[in-house]
Amino acid sequence: MSVGQLADYPPPMSLGEFIKHLSLPPIVPIKRACEVQACGHSHLYELRKSGRLRVVRRSAGAGVPVQDLYRLYVEAHAPEATS
């Protein structure tokens, strides 16, 4: 599967479908999280700083909980709020 913006992934997917479709582990390595999010390390860490996603330490280095990437996917598919 080619990597693209989260909004480009087919909606709607459950968390399980999201994990299976992208072959993601429970804690996604930073490099892979950047690929899934289609962004660089700097943007990923900006998302962390803003509280939109967590970065956790593990023995193999830092990673992002798959639930946080899924939440960004859901937000990317949320209907636009009308004023």
Protein backbone atom coordinates (compact mmCIF):
# COMPACT_ATOMS: atom_id res chain seq x y z
CA MET A 1 0.00 0.00 0.00
CA SER A 2 1.30 3.43 -0.82
CA VAL A 3 1.63 5.93 1.97
CA GLY A 4 -0.44 9.09 1.87
CA GLN A 5 -2.16 11.60 4.08
CA LEU A 6 -4.44 10.08 6.71
CA ALA A 7 -7.39 11.77 4.99
CA ASP A 8 -6.58 9.77 1.84
CA TYR A 9 -7.08 6.40 3.57
CA PRO A 10 -10.49 4.87 2.90
CA PRO A 11 -13.14 5.82 5.44
CA PRO A 12 -14.68 4.63 7.60
CA MET A 13 -12.33 2.10 9.20
CA SER A 14 -12.48 0.70 12.69
CA LEU A 15 -9.32 0.67 14.78
CA GLY A 16 -8.82 -3.00 13.94
CA GLU A 17 -9.21 -2.37 10.20
CA PHE A 18 -6.84 0.61 10.42
CA ILE A 19 -4.20 -1.53 12.14
CA LYS A 20 -4.62 -4.39 9.68
CA HIS A 21 -4.74 -2.15 6.57
CA LEU A 22 -1.50 -0.43 7.52
CA SER A 23 0.14 -3.41 9.30
CA LEU A 24 0.80 -1.41 12.46
CA PRO A 25 2.12 -2.63 15.83
CA PRO A 26 0.66 -1.33 19.13
CA ILE A 27 3.55 1.15 19.45
CA VAL A 28 4.47 2.51 16.04
CA PRO A 29 8.14 3.49 15.58
CA ILE A 30 8.64 7.22 14.94
CA LYS A 31 9.85 6.66 11.36
CA ARG A 32 6.78 4.55 10.51
CA ALA A 33 4.45 7.02 12.26
CA CYS A 34 5.87 9.76 10.04
CA GLU A 35 5.19 7.59 6.98
CA VAL A 36 1.61 6.90 8.07
CA GLN A 37 1.00 10.55 8.86
CA ALA A 38 2.89 11.61 5.70
CA CYS A 39 4.89 14.16 7.65
CA GLY A 40 8.40 14.76 8.91
CA HIS A 41 9.80 14.30 12.39
CA SER A 42 9.37 18.01 13.15
CA HIS A 43 5.64 17.97 12.42
CA LEU A 44 5.21 14.77 14.44
CA TYR A 45 6.88 16.39 17.43
CA GLU A 46 4.71 19.51 16.94
CA LEU A 47 1.68 17.22 17.21
CA ARG A 48 3.20 15.87 20.41
CA LYS A 49 3.84 19.33 21.80
CA SER A 50 0.24 20.36 21.05
CA GLY A 51 -1.03 17.26 22.87
CA ARG A 52 -2.61 15.68 19.78
CA LEU A 53 -0.42 12.60 20.05
CA ARG A 54 1.84 10.92 22.55
CA VAL A 55 5.40 9.73 22.07
CA VAL A 56 6.42 6.94 24.42
CA ARG A 57 9.83 5.51 25.20
CA ARG A 58 10.45 1.82 24.75
CA SER A 59 13.53 -0.38 24.69
CA ALA A 60 13.82 -0.10 20.90
CA GLY A 61 13.46 3.69 20.93
CA ALA A 62 10.53 6.08 20.86
CA GLY A 63 7.17 5.28 19.35
CA VAL A 64 3.60 6.50 18.97
CA PRO A 65 0.62 4.54 20.31
CA VAL A 66 -1.41 3.27 17.35
CA GLN A 67 -4.57 4.65 19.00
CA ASP A 68 -3.18 8.18 18.64
CA LEU A 69 -2.59 7.71 14.90
CA TYR A 70 -6.09 6.27 14.60
CA ARG A 71 -7.53 9.31 16.39
CA LEU A 72 -5.80 11.59 13.84
CA TYR A 73 -7.30 9.43 11.07
CA VAL A 74 -10.79 9.80 12.57
CA GLU A 75 -10.31 13.57 12.93
CA ALA A 76 -9.21 13.77 9.27
CA HIS A 77 -12.52 12.15 8.27
CA ALA A 78 -14.76 14.14 10.62
CA PRO A 79 -17.42 16.15 8.79
CA GLU A 80 -16.68 19.85 8.60
CA ALA A 81 -18.47 21.86 11.24
CA THR A 82 -20.98 24.22 9.71
CA SER A 83 -21.42 27.71 11.12
